[in-house]
Full PDB file with SEQRES, HELIX, SHEET, SSBOND, CRYST1, ORIGX, SCALE, CONECT and MASTER records, all heavy atoms in Angstrom:
SEQRES   1 A   42  ARG ALA MET ASP ARG LYS ILE GLU LEU PRO GLY LYS ILE          
SEQRES   2 A   42  ILE GLY ILE VAL PHE GLY LEU THR SER THR LEU ILE PHE          
SEQRES   3 A   42  GLY SER GLY LEU ALA LEU CYS ILE GLN THR ASN GLY LEU          
SEQRES   4 A   42  PRO PHE VAL                                                  
HELIX    1 AA1 ALA A    2  GLN A   35  1                                  34    
CRYST1    1.000    1.000    1.000  90.00  90.00  90.00 P 1           1          
ORIGX1      1.000000  0.000000  0.000000        0.00000                         
ORIGX2      0.000000  1.000000  0.000000        0.00000                         
ORIGX3      0.000000  0.000000  1.000000        0.00000                         
SCALE1      1.000000  0.000000  0.000000        0.00000                         
SCALE2      0.000000  1.000000  0.000000        0.00000                         
SCALE3      0.000000  0.000000  1.000000        0.00000                         
ATOM      1  N   ARG A   1      73.826  39.314 108.553  1.00  0.00           N  
ATOM      2  CA  ARG A   1      75.237  38.836 108.093  1.00  0.00           C  
ATOM      3  C   ARG A   1      75.273  37.254 107.785  1.00  0.00           C  
ATOM      4  O   ARG A   1      75.882  36.831 106.812  1.00  0.00           O  
ATOM      5  CB  ARG A   1      76.198  39.196 109.202  1.00  0.00           C  
ATOM      6  CG  ARG A   1      76.501  40.597 109.137  1.00  0.00           C  
ATOM      7  CD  ARG A   1      77.645  40.809 110.246  1.00  0.00           C  
ATOM      8  NE  ARG A   1      77.854  42.373 110.250  1.00  0.00           N  
ATOM      9  CZ  ARG A   1      78.104  42.955 111.287  1.00  0.00           C  
ATOM     10  NH1 ARG A   1      78.247  42.395 112.555  1.00  0.00           N  
ATOM     11  NH2 ARG A   1      78.327  44.338 111.290  1.00  0.00           N  
ATOM     12  N   ALA A   2      74.584  36.463 108.662  1.00  0.00           N  
ATOM     13  CA  ALA A   2      74.538  35.122 108.419  1.00  0.00           C  
ATOM     14  C   ALA A   2      73.694  34.776 107.131  1.00  0.00           C  
ATOM     15  O   ALA A   2      74.116  33.883 106.437  1.00  0.00           O  
ATOM     16  CB  ALA A   2      73.766  34.457 109.620  1.00  0.00           C  
ATOM     17  N   MET A   3      72.784  35.520 106.903  1.00  0.00           N  
ATOM     18  CA  MET A   3      71.923  35.181 105.639  1.00  0.00           C  
ATOM     19  C   MET A   3      72.747  35.564 104.448  1.00  0.00           C  
ATOM     20  O   MET A   3      72.791  34.840 103.412  1.00  0.00           O  
ATOM     21  CB  MET A   3      70.591  36.004 105.666  1.00  0.00           C  
ATOM     22  CG  MET A   3      69.498  35.464 106.600  1.00  0.00           C  
ATOM     23  SD  MET A   3      68.733  33.969 105.848  1.00  0.00           S  
ATOM     24  CE  MET A   3      67.963  34.515 104.518  1.00  0.00           C  
ATOM     25  N   ASP A   4      73.529  36.650 104.522  1.00  0.00           N  
ATOM     26  CA  ASP A   4      74.402  37.044 103.501  1.00  0.00           C  
ATOM     27  C   ASP A   4      75.462  36.056 103.207  1.00  0.00           C  
ATOM     28  O   ASP A   4      75.716  35.628 101.965  1.00  0.00           O  
ATOM     29  CB  ASP A   4      75.061  38.368 103.747  1.00  0.00           C  
ATOM     30  CG  ASP A   4      75.773  39.095 102.618  1.00  0.00           C  
ATOM     31  OD1 ASP A   4      75.342  38.909 101.504  1.00  0.00           O  
ATOM     32  OD2 ASP A   4      76.885  39.547 102.870  1.00  0.00           O  
ATOM     33  N   ARG A   5      76.126  35.458 104.235  1.00  0.00           N  
ATOM     34  CA  ARG A   5      76.988  34.308 104.042  1.00  0.00           C  
ATOM     35  C   ARG A   5      76.437  33.156 103.482  1.00  0.00           C  
ATOM     36  O   ARG A   5      77.038  32.461 102.565  1.00  0.00           O  
ATOM     37  CB  ARG A   5      77.705  34.140 105.425  1.00  0.00           C  
ATOM     38  CG  ARG A   5      78.772  35.108 105.812  1.00  0.00           C  
ATOM     39  CD  ARG A   5      79.644  34.472 106.983  1.00  0.00           C  
ATOM     40  NE  ARG A   5      78.735  34.336 108.189  1.00  0.00           N  
ATOM     41  CZ  ARG A   5      78.524  35.165 109.089  1.00  0.00           C  
ATOM     42  NH1 ARG A   5      78.915  36.437 108.940  1.00  0.00           N  
ATOM     43  NH2 ARG A   5      77.816  34.741 110.107  1.00  0.00           N  
ATOM     44  N   LYS A   6      75.206  32.866 103.896  1.00  0.00           N  
ATOM     45  CA  LYS A   6      74.501  31.609 103.402  1.00  0.00           C  
ATOM     46  C   LYS A   6      74.180  31.761 101.861  1.00  0.00           C  
ATOM     47  O   LYS A   6      74.176  30.837 101.298  1.00  0.00           O  
ATOM     48  CB  LYS A   6      73.127  31.481 104.142  1.00  0.00           C  
ATOM     49  CG  LYS A   6      72.357  30.302 103.809  1.00  0.00           C  
ATOM     50  CD  LYS A   6      71.016  30.293 104.750  1.00  0.00           C  
ATOM     51  CE  LYS A   6      70.237  29.116 104.354  1.00  0.00           C  
ATOM     52  NZ  LYS A   6      69.007  28.896 105.132  1.00  0.00           N  
ATOM     53  N   ILE A   7      74.026  32.926 101.467  1.00  0.00           N  
ATOM     54  CA  ILE A   7      73.783  33.206 100.123  1.00  0.00           C  
ATOM     55  C   ILE A   7      74.975  33.206  99.178  1.00  0.00           C  
ATOM     56  O   ILE A   7      75.090  32.509  98.164  1.00  0.00           O  
ATOM     57  CB  ILE A   7      72.865  34.523  99.840  1.00  0.00           C  
ATOM     58  CG1 ILE A   7      71.510  34.447 100.437  1.00  0.00           C  
ATOM     59  CG2 ILE A   7      72.874  34.905  98.332  1.00  0.00           C  
ATOM     60  CD1 ILE A   7      70.731  35.703 100.487  1.00  0.00           C  
ATOM     61  N   GLU A   8      76.049  33.779  99.722  1.00  0.00           N  
ATOM     62  CA  GLU A   8      77.246  33.896  98.832  1.00  0.00           C  
ATOM     63  C   GLU A   8      78.248  32.711  98.920  1.00  0.00           C  
ATOM     64  O   GLU A   8      78.835  32.365  97.958  1.00  0.00           O  
ATOM     65  CB  GLU A   8      78.104  35.184  99.356  1.00  0.00           C  
ATOM     66  CG  GLU A   8      77.407  36.524  99.033  1.00  0.00           C  
ATOM     67  CD  GLU A   8      78.190  37.626  99.536  1.00  0.00           C  
ATOM     68  OE1 GLU A   8      79.207  37.422 100.248  1.00  0.00           O  
ATOM     69  OE2 GLU A   8      77.894  38.708  99.081  1.00  0.00           O  
ATOM     70  N   LEU A   9      78.373  32.112 100.092  1.00  0.00           N  
ATOM     71  CA  LEU A   9      79.356  31.106 100.268  1.00  0.00           C  
ATOM     72  C   LEU A   9      79.245  29.824  99.338  1.00  0.00           C  
ATOM     73  O   LEU A   9      80.219  29.402  98.813  1.00  0.00           O  
ATOM     74  CB  LEU A   9      79.273  30.585 101.768  1.00  0.00           C  
ATOM     75  CG  LEU A   9      80.561  29.853 102.152  1.00  0.00           C  
ATOM     76  CD1 LEU A   9      81.880  30.695 102.070  1.00  0.00           C  
ATOM     77  CD2 LEU A   9      80.422  29.411 103.619  1.00  0.00           C  
ATOM     78  N   PRO A  10      78.071  29.172  99.138  1.00  0.00           N  
ATOM     79  CA  PRO A  10      78.012  28.020  98.212  1.00  0.00           C  
ATOM     80  C   PRO A  10      78.586  28.342  96.837  1.00  0.00           C  
ATOM     81  O   PRO A  10      79.316  27.456  96.307  1.00  0.00           O  
ATOM     82  CB  PRO A  10      76.487  27.629  98.245  1.00  0.00           C  
ATOM     83  CG  PRO A  10      75.921  28.236  99.420  1.00  0.00           C  
ATOM     84  CD  PRO A  10      76.812  29.549  99.715  1.00  0.00           C  
ATOM     85  N   GLY A  11      78.165  29.500  96.197  1.00  0.00           N  
ATOM     86  CA  GLY A  11      78.722  29.771  94.881  1.00  0.00           C  
ATOM     87  C   GLY A  11      80.206  30.004  94.941  1.00  0.00           C  
ATOM     88  O   GLY A  11      80.863  29.484  94.028  1.00  0.00           O  
ATOM     89  N   LYS A  12      80.696  30.670  95.929  1.00  0.00           N  
ATOM     90  CA  LYS A  12      82.143  30.691  95.947  1.00  0.00           C  
ATOM     91  C   LYS A  12      82.932  29.393  96.094  1.00  0.00           C  
ATOM     92  O   LYS A  12      83.908  29.249  95.416  1.00  0.00           O  
ATOM     93  CB  LYS A  12      82.543  31.708  97.135  1.00  0.00           C  
ATOM     94  CG  LYS A  12      82.158  33.140  97.031  1.00  0.00           C  
ATOM     95  CD  LYS A  12      82.640  33.856  98.242  1.00  0.00           C  
ATOM     96  CE  LYS A  12      82.282  35.445  97.935  1.00  0.00           C  
ATOM     97  NZ  LYS A  12      82.606  36.208  99.202  1.00  0.00           N  
ATOM     98  N   ILE A  13      82.376  28.539  96.968  1.00  0.00           N  
ATOM     99  CA  ILE A  13      83.037  27.317  97.195  1.00  0.00           C  
ATOM    100  C   ILE A  13      82.970  26.500  95.916  1.00  0.00           C  
ATOM    101  O   ILE A  13      84.100  25.934  95.560  1.00  0.00           O  
ATOM    102  CB  ILE A  13      82.471  26.626  98.463  1.00  0.00           C  
ATOM    103  CG1 ILE A  13      82.765  27.244  99.708  1.00  0.00           C  
ATOM    104  CG2 ILE A  13      82.931  25.237  98.471  1.00  0.00           C  
ATOM    105  CD1 ILE A  13      82.124  26.852 100.829  1.00  0.00           C  
ATOM    106  N   ILE A  14      81.851  26.334  95.410  1.00  0.00           N  
ATOM    107  CA  ILE A  14      81.665  25.452  94.176  1.00  0.00           C  
ATOM    108  C   ILE A  14      82.491  26.047  93.103  1.00  0.00           C  
ATOM    109  O   ILE A  14      83.129  25.439  92.219  1.00  0.00           O  
ATOM    110  CB  ILE A  14      80.177  25.373  93.871  1.00  0.00           C  
ATOM    111  CG1 ILE A  14      79.435  24.415  94.999  1.00  0.00           C  
ATOM    112  CG2 ILE A  14      80.103  24.579  92.519  1.00  0.00           C  
ATOM    113  CD1 ILE A  14      78.065  24.193  94.843  1.00  0.00           C  
ATOM    114  N   GLY A  15      82.499  27.286  92.815  1.00  0.00           N  
ATOM    115  CA  GLY A  15      83.258  28.025  91.797  1.00  0.00           C  
ATOM    116  C   GLY A  15      84.696  27.813  91.971  1.00  0.00           C  
ATOM    117  O   GLY A  15      85.463  27.398  90.961  1.00  0.00           O  
ATOM    118  N   ILE A  16      85.181  27.860  93.104  1.00  0.00           N  
ATOM    119  CA  ILE A  16      86.644  27.560  93.426  1.00  0.00           C  
ATOM    120  C   ILE A  16      87.144  26.273  93.181  1.00  0.00           C  
ATOM    121  O   ILE A  16      87.954  25.824  92.574  1.00  0.00           O  
ATOM    122  CB  ILE A  16      87.141  28.074  94.869  1.00  0.00           C  
ATOM    123  CG1 ILE A  16      87.089  29.586  94.931  1.00  0.00           C  
ATOM    124  CG2 ILE A  16      88.376  27.548  95.310  1.00  0.00           C  
ATOM    125  CD1 ILE A  16      87.210  30.173  96.324  1.00  0.00           C  
ATOM    126  N   VAL A  17      86.163  25.224  93.720  1.00  0.00           N  
ATOM    127  CA  VAL A  17      86.488  23.801  93.538  1.00  0.00           C  
ATOM    128  C   VAL A  17      86.393  23.373  92.086  1.00  0.00           C  
ATOM    129  O   VAL A  17      87.190  22.763  91.470  1.00  0.00           O  
ATOM    130  CB  VAL A  17      85.564  22.908  94.327  1.00  0.00           C  
ATOM    131  CG1 VAL A  17      85.540  21.412  93.883  1.00  0.00           C  
ATOM    132  CG2 VAL A  17      85.796  23.133  95.829  1.00  0.00           C  
ATOM    133  N   PHE A  18      85.486  23.974  91.287  1.00  0.00           N  
ATOM    134  CA  PHE A  18      85.284  23.746  89.911  1.00  0.00           C  
ATOM    135  C   PHE A  18      86.461  24.226  89.108  1.00  0.00           C  
ATOM    136  O   PHE A  18      87.020  23.494  88.285  1.00  0.00           O  
ATOM    137  CB  PHE A  18      84.026  24.346  89.352  1.00  0.00           C  
ATOM    138  CG  PHE A  18      83.632  23.922  87.918  1.00  0.00           C  
ATOM    139  CD1 PHE A  18      83.150  22.692  87.651  1.00  0.00           C  
ATOM    140  CD2 PHE A  18      83.929  24.803  86.993  1.00  0.00           C  
ATOM    141  CE1 PHE A  18      82.847  22.273  86.319  1.00  0.00           C  
ATOM    142  CE2 PHE A  18      83.538  24.366  85.704  1.00  0.00           C  
ATOM    143  CZ  PHE A  18      83.008  23.217  85.360  1.00  0.00           C  
ATOM    144  N   GLY A  19      86.970  25.558  89.454  1.00  0.00           N  
ATOM    145  CA  GLY A  19      88.056  26.060  88.817  1.00  0.00           C  
ATOM    146  C   GLY A  19      89.394  25.328  89.099  1.00  0.00           C  
ATOM    147  O   GLY A  19      90.260  25.073  88.242  1.00  0.00           O  
ATOM    148  N   LEU A  20      89.600  24.844  90.381  1.00  0.00           N  
ATOM    149  CA  LEU A  20      90.746  24.006  90.744  1.00  0.00           C  
ATOM    150  C   LEU A  20      90.682  22.655  90.073  1.00  0.00           C  
ATOM    151  O   LEU A  20      91.902  22.257  89.475  1.00  0.00           O  
ATOM    152  CB  LEU A  20      90.933  23.962  92.214  1.00  0.00           C  
ATOM    153  CG  LEU A  20      91.217  25.242  93.030  1.00  0.00           C  
ATOM    154  CD1 LEU A  20      91.168  24.948  94.549  1.00  0.00           C  
ATOM    155  CD2 LEU A  20      92.640  25.698  92.696  1.00  0.00           C  
ATOM    156  N   THR A  21      89.684  22.005  90.043  1.00  0.00           N  
ATOM    157  CA  THR A  21      89.601  20.743  89.342  1.00  0.00           C  
ATOM    158  C   THR A  21      89.901  20.856  87.952  1.00  0.00           C  
ATOM    159  O   THR A  21      90.487  20.084  87.229  1.00  0.00           O  
ATOM    160  CB  THR A  21      88.133  20.145  89.466  1.00  0.00           C  
ATOM    161  OG1 THR A  21      87.953  20.087  90.841  1.00  0.00           O  
ATOM    162  CG2 THR A  21      87.990  18.771  88.955  1.00  0.00           C  
ATOM    163  N   SER A  22      89.351  22.019  87.253  1.00  0.00           N  
ATOM    164  CA  SER A  22      89.604  22.209  85.830  1.00  0.00           C  
ATOM    165  C   SER A  22      91.176  22.455  85.571  1.00  0.00           C  
ATOM    166  O   SER A  22      91.701  22.088  84.659  1.00  0.00           O  
ATOM    167  CB  SER A  22      88.745  23.421  85.337  1.00  0.00           C  
ATOM    168  OG  SER A  22      87.370  23.079  85.313  1.00  0.00           O  
ATOM    169  N   THR A  23      91.775  23.195  86.482  1.00  0.00           N  
ATOM    170  CA  THR A  23      93.066  23.479  86.481  1.00  0.00           C  
ATOM    171  C   THR A  23      93.913  22.104  86.380  1.00  0.00           C  
ATOM    172  O   THR A  23      94.959  21.978  85.686  1.00  0.00           O  
ATOM    173  CB  THR A  23      93.562  24.468  87.512  1.00  0.00           C  
ATOM    174  OG1 THR A  23      92.857  25.575  87.392  1.00  0.00           O  
ATOM    175  CG2 THR A  23      94.996  24.846  87.416  1.00  0.00           C  
ATOM    176  N   LEU A  24      93.541  21.227  87.336  1.00  0.00           N  
ATOM    177  CA  LEU A  24      94.263  19.993  87.479  1.00  0.00           C  
ATOM    178  C   LEU A  24      94.131  19.197  86.185  1.00  0.00           C  
ATOM    179  O   LEU A  24      95.036  18.506  85.798  1.00  0.00           O  
ATOM    180  CB  LEU A  24      93.747  19.226  88.787  1.00  0.00           C  
ATOM    181  CG  LEU A  24      94.241  19.783  90.021  1.00  0.00           C  
ATOM    182  CD1 LEU A  24      93.563  19.141  91.127  1.00  0.00           C  
ATOM    183  CD2 LEU A  24      95.675  19.802  90.208  1.00  0.00           C  
ATOM    184  N   ILE A  25      92.907  19.182  85.613  1.00  0.00           N  
ATOM    185  CA  ILE A  25      92.632  18.508  84.351  1.00  0.00           C  
ATOM    186  C   ILE A  25      93.475  19.061  83.246  1.00  0.00           C  
ATOM    187  O   ILE A  25      94.081  18.316  82.440  1.00  0.00           O  
ATOM    188  CB  ILE A  25      91.117  18.530  83.996  1.00  0.00           C  
ATOM    189  CG1 ILE A  25      90.369  17.756  84.926  1.00  0.00           C  
ATOM    190  CG2 ILE A  25      90.826  18.109  82.640  1.00  0.00           C  
ATOM    191  CD1 ILE A  25      88.886  17.855  84.853  1.00  0.00           C  
ATOM    192  N   PHE A  26      93.539  20.437  83.189  1.00  0.00           N  
ATOM    193  CA  PHE A  26      94.384  21.095  82.276  1.00  0.00           C  
ATOM    194  C   PHE A  26      95.860  20.769  82.372  1.00  0.00           C  
ATOM    195  O   PHE A  26      96.546  20.492  81.416  1.00  0.00           O  
ATOM    196  CB  PHE A  26      94.261  22.571  82.284  1.00  0.00           C  
ATOM    197  CG  PHE A  26      95.077  23.342  81.507  1.00  0.00           C  
ATOM    198  CD1 PHE A  26      94.996  23.332  80.018  1.00  0.00           C  
ATOM    199  CD2 PHE A  26      96.318  23.953  81.946  1.00  0.00           C  
ATOM    200  CE1 PHE A  26      95.817  24.107  79.179  1.00  0.00           C  
ATOM    201  CE2 PHE A  26      97.107  24.660  81.040  1.00  0.00           C  
ATOM    202  CZ  PHE A  26      96.983  24.766  79.732  1.00  0.00           C  
ATOM    203  N   GLY A  27      96.296  20.743  83.566  1.00  0.00           N  
ATOM    204  CA  GLY A  27      97.773  20.309  83.920  1.00  0.00           C  
ATOM    205  C   GLY A  27      98.033  18.899  83.468  1.00  0.00           C  
ATOM    206  O   GLY A  27      99.118  18.473  83.044  1.00  0.00           O  
ATOM    207  N   SER A  28      97.100  17.933  83.717  1.00  0.00           N  
ATOM    208  CA  SER A  28      97.246  16.545  83.323  1.00  0.00           C  
ATOM    209  C   SER A  28      97.358  16.620  81.825  1.00  0.00           C  
ATOM    210  O   SER A  28      98.184  15.777  81.300  1.00  0.00           O  
ATOM    211  CB  SER A  28      96.041  15.737  83.808  1.00  0.00           C  
ATOM    212  OG  SER A  28      95.953  15.778  85.289  1.00  0.00           O  
ATOM    213  N   GLY A  29      96.584  17.208  81.171  1.00  0.00           N  
ATOM    214  CA  GLY A  29      96.543  17.076  79.606  1.00  0.00           C  
ATOM    215  C   GLY A  29      97.881  17.784  79.146  1.00  0.00           C  
ATOM    216  O   GLY A  29      98.481  17.182  78.202  1.00  0.00           O  
ATOM    217  N   LEU A  30      98.372  18.788  79.656  1.00  0.00           N  
ATOM    218  CA  LEU A  30      99.603  19.419  79.403  1.00  0.00           C  
ATOM    219  C   LEU A  30     100.792  18.325  79.650  1.00  0.00           C  
ATOM    220  O   LEU A  30     101.698  18.328  78.775  1.00  0.00           O  
ATOM    221  CB  LEU A  30      99.905  20.706  80.231  1.00  0.00           C  
ATOM    222  CG  LEU A  30     101.122  21.474  79.831  1.00  0.00           C  
ATOM    223  CD1 LEU A  30     101.103  21.976  78.460  1.00  0.00           C  
ATOM    224  CD2 LEU A  30     101.224  22.598  80.822  1.00  0.00           C  
ATOM    225  N   ALA A  31     100.742  17.626  80.731  1.00  0.00           N  
ATOM    226  CA  ALA A  31     101.833  16.740  81.078  1.00  0.00           C  
ATOM    227  C   ALA A  31     101.749  15.610  80.056  1.00  0.00           C  
ATOM    228  O   ALA A  31     102.777  15.059  79.641  1.00  0.00           O  
ATOM    229  CB  ALA A  31     101.572  16.129  82.485  1.00  0.00           C  
ATOM    230  N   LEU A  32     100.576  15.051  79.621  1.00  0.00           N  
ATOM    231  CA  LEU A  32     100.479  14.086  78.645  1.00  0.00           C  
ATOM    232  C   LEU A  32     101.000  14.557  77.320  1.00  0.00           C  
ATOM    233  O   LEU A  32     101.583  13.742  76.470  1.00  0.00           O  
ATOM    234  CB  LEU A  32      98.975  13.645  78.418  1.00  0.00           C  
ATOM    235  CG  LEU A  32      98.570  12.546  79.568  1.00  0.00           C  
ATOM    236  CD1 LEU A  32      97.007  12.340  79.296  1.00  0.00           C  
ATOM    237  CD2 LEU A  32      99.234  11.246  79.500  1.00  0.00           C  
ATOM    238  N   CYS A  33     100.734  15.818  77.001  1.00  0.00           N  
ATOM    239  CA  CYS A  33     101.307  16.352  75.675  1.00  0.00           C  
ATOM    240  C   CYS A  33     102.822  16.388  75.691  1.00  0.00           C  
ATOM    241  O   CYS A  33     103.459  16.195  74.703  1.00  0.00           O  
ATOM    242  CB  CYS A  33     100.682  17.757  75.387  1.00  0.00           C  
ATOM    243  SG  CYS A  33      98.981  17.681  75.015  1.00  0.00           S  
ATOM    244  N   ILE A  34     103.406  16.712  76.706  1.00  0.00           N  
ATOM    245  CA  ILE A  34     104.690  16.977  76.853  1.00  0.00           C  
ATOM    246  C   ILE A  34     105.572  15.698  76.842  1.00  0.00           C  
ATOM    247  O   ILE A  34     106.639  15.611  76.240  1.00  0.00           O  
ATOM    248  CB  ILE A  34     105.188  17.793  78.047  1.00  0.00           C  
ATOM    249  CG1 ILE A  34     104.671  19.306  77.853  1.00  0.00           C  
ATOM    250  CG2 ILE A  34     106.691  17.875  78.389  1.00  0.00           C  
ATOM    251  CD1 ILE A  34     104.846  20.127  79.128  1.00  0.00           C  
ATOM    252  N   GLN A  35     105.067  14.727  77.499  1.00  0.00           N  
ATOM    253  CA  GLN A  35     105.730  13.466  77.807  1.00  0.00           C  
ATOM    254  C   GLN A  35     105.646  12.424  76.521  1.00  0.00           C  
ATOM    255  O   GLN A  35     106.485  11.496  76.647  1.00  0.00           O  
ATOM    256  CB  GLN A  35     105.451  12.785  79.073  1.00  0.00           C  
ATOM    257  CG  GLN A  35     105.975  13.813  80.320  1.00  0.00           C  
ATOM    258  CD  GLN A  35     105.541  13.146  81.663  1.00  0.00           C  
ATOM    259  OE1 GLN A  35     104.906  12.215  81.595  1.00  0.00           O  
ATOM    260  NE2 GLN A  35     106.111  13.823  82.647  1.00  0.00           N  
ATOM    261  N   THR A  36     104.629  12.405  75.871  1.00  0.00           N  
ATOM    262  CA  THR A  36     104.377  11.330  75.015  1.00  0.00           C  
ATOM    263  C   THR A  36     104.047  11.673  73.678  1.00  0.00           C  
ATOM    264  O   THR A  36     103.898  12.936  73.283  1.00  0.00           O  
ATOM    265  CB  THR A  36     103.190  10.458  75.574  1.00  0.00           C  
ATOM    266  OG1 THR A  36     102.026  11.324  75.482  1.00  0.00           O  
ATOM    267  CG2 THR A  36     103.375   9.900  76.981  1.00  0.00           C  
ATOM    268  N   ASN A  37     103.983  10.647  72.793  1.00  0.00           N  
ATOM    269  CA  ASN A  37     103.463  10.798  71.288  1.00  0.00           C  
ATOM    270  C   ASN A  37     102.479   9.945  71.150  1.00  0.00           C  
ATOM    271  O   ASN A  37     102.153   8.914  71.816  1.00  0.00           O  
ATOM    272  CB  ASN A  37     104.646  10.667  70.342  1.00  0.00           C  
ATOM    273  CG  ASN A  37     105.792  11.731  70.358  1.00  0.00           C  
ATOM    274  OD1 ASN A  37     105.400  12.813  70.593  1.00  0.00           O  
ATOM    275  ND2 ASN A  37     106.917  11.229  70.179  1.00  0.00           N  
ATOM    276  N   GLY A  38     101.723  10.106  70.112  1.00  0.00           N  
ATOM    277  CA  GLY A  38     100.563   9.130  69.731  1.00  0.00           C  
ATOM    278  C   GLY A  38      99.391   9.303  70.357  1.00  0.00           C  
ATOM    279  O   GLY A  38      98.974  10.464  70.679  1.00  0.00           O  
ATOM    280  N   LEU A  39      98.639   8.287  70.861  1.00  0.00           N  
ATOM    281  CA  LEU A  39      97.328   8.391  71.576  1.00  0.00           C  
ATOM    282  C   LEU A  39      97.333   9.134  72.889  1.00  0.00           C  
ATOM    283  O   LEU A  39      96.467   9.985  72.932  1.00  0.00           O  
ATOM    284  CB  LEU A  39      96.775   6.964  71.804  1.00  0.00           C  
ATOM    285  CG  LEU A  39      95.302   6.998  72.293  1.00  0.00           C  
ATOM    286  CD1 LEU A  39      94.274   7.581  71.294  1.00  0.00           C  
ATOM    287  CD2 LEU A  39      94.826   5.490  72.508  1.00  0.00           C  
ATOM    288  N   PRO A  40      98.317   9.017  73.792  1.00  0.00           N  
ATOM    289  CA  PRO A  40      98.360   9.832  74.884  1.00  0.00           C  
ATOM    290  C   PRO A  40      98.457  11.241  74.527  1.00  0.00           C  
ATOM    291  O   PRO A  40      97.825  12.204  75.246  1.00  0.00           O  
ATOM    292  CB  PRO A  40      99.604   9.313  75.659  1.00  0.00           C  
ATOM    293  CG  PRO A  40      99.655   7.786  75.153  1.00  0.00           C  
ATOM    294  CD  PRO A  40      99.318   8.037  73.743  1.00  0.00           C  
ATOM    295  N   PHE A  41      99.125  11.575  73.428  1.00  0.00           N  
ATOM    296  CA  PHE A  41      99.229  13.034  73.099  1.00  0.00           C  
ATOM    297  C   PHE A  41      97.835  13.617  72.693  1.00  0.00           C  
ATOM    298  O   PHE A  41      97.503  14.680  73.070  1.00  0.00           O  
ATOM    299  CB  PHE A  41     100.108  13.182  71.842  1.00  0.00           C  
ATOM    300  CG  PHE A  41     100.314  14.645  71.469  1.00  0.00           C  
ATOM    301  CD1 PHE A  41     101.258  15.467  72.095  1.00  0.00           C  
ATOM    302  CD2 PHE A  41      99.641  15.073  70.293  1.00  0.00           C  
ATOM    303  CE1 PHE A  41     101.392  16.754  71.608  1.00  0.00           C  
ATOM    304  CE2 PHE A  41      99.792  16.301  69.780  1.00  0.00           C  
ATOM    305  CZ  PHE A  41     100.743  17.305  70.478  1.00  0.00           C  
ATOM    306  N   VAL A  42      97.026  12.819  71.926  1.00  0.00           N  
ATOM    307  CA  VAL A  42      95.728  13.251  71.611  1.00  0.00           C  
ATOM    308  C   VAL A  42      94.865  13.356  72.790  1.00  0.00           C  
ATOM    309  O   VAL A  42      94.070  14.307  72.965  1.00  0.00           O  
ATOM    310  CB  VAL A  42      95.123  12.289  70.547  1.00  0.00           C  
ATOM    311  CG1 VAL A  42      93.653  12.563  70.325  1.00  0.00           C  
ATOM    312  CG2 VAL A  42      95.910  12.208  69.291  1.00  0.00           C  
TER     313      VAL A  42                                                      
MASTER        0    0    0    1    0    0    0    6  312    1    0    4          
END                                                                             
């Protein structure tokens, strides 16, 4: 069981952190698009 957790856990953690970070980046981009025009929109 310990070996199984050792194999599965790093991928799960890094995948979740990568997905959450990407979601925050997407949200930041969405906020820039909604609030501004010009270069911040791009």
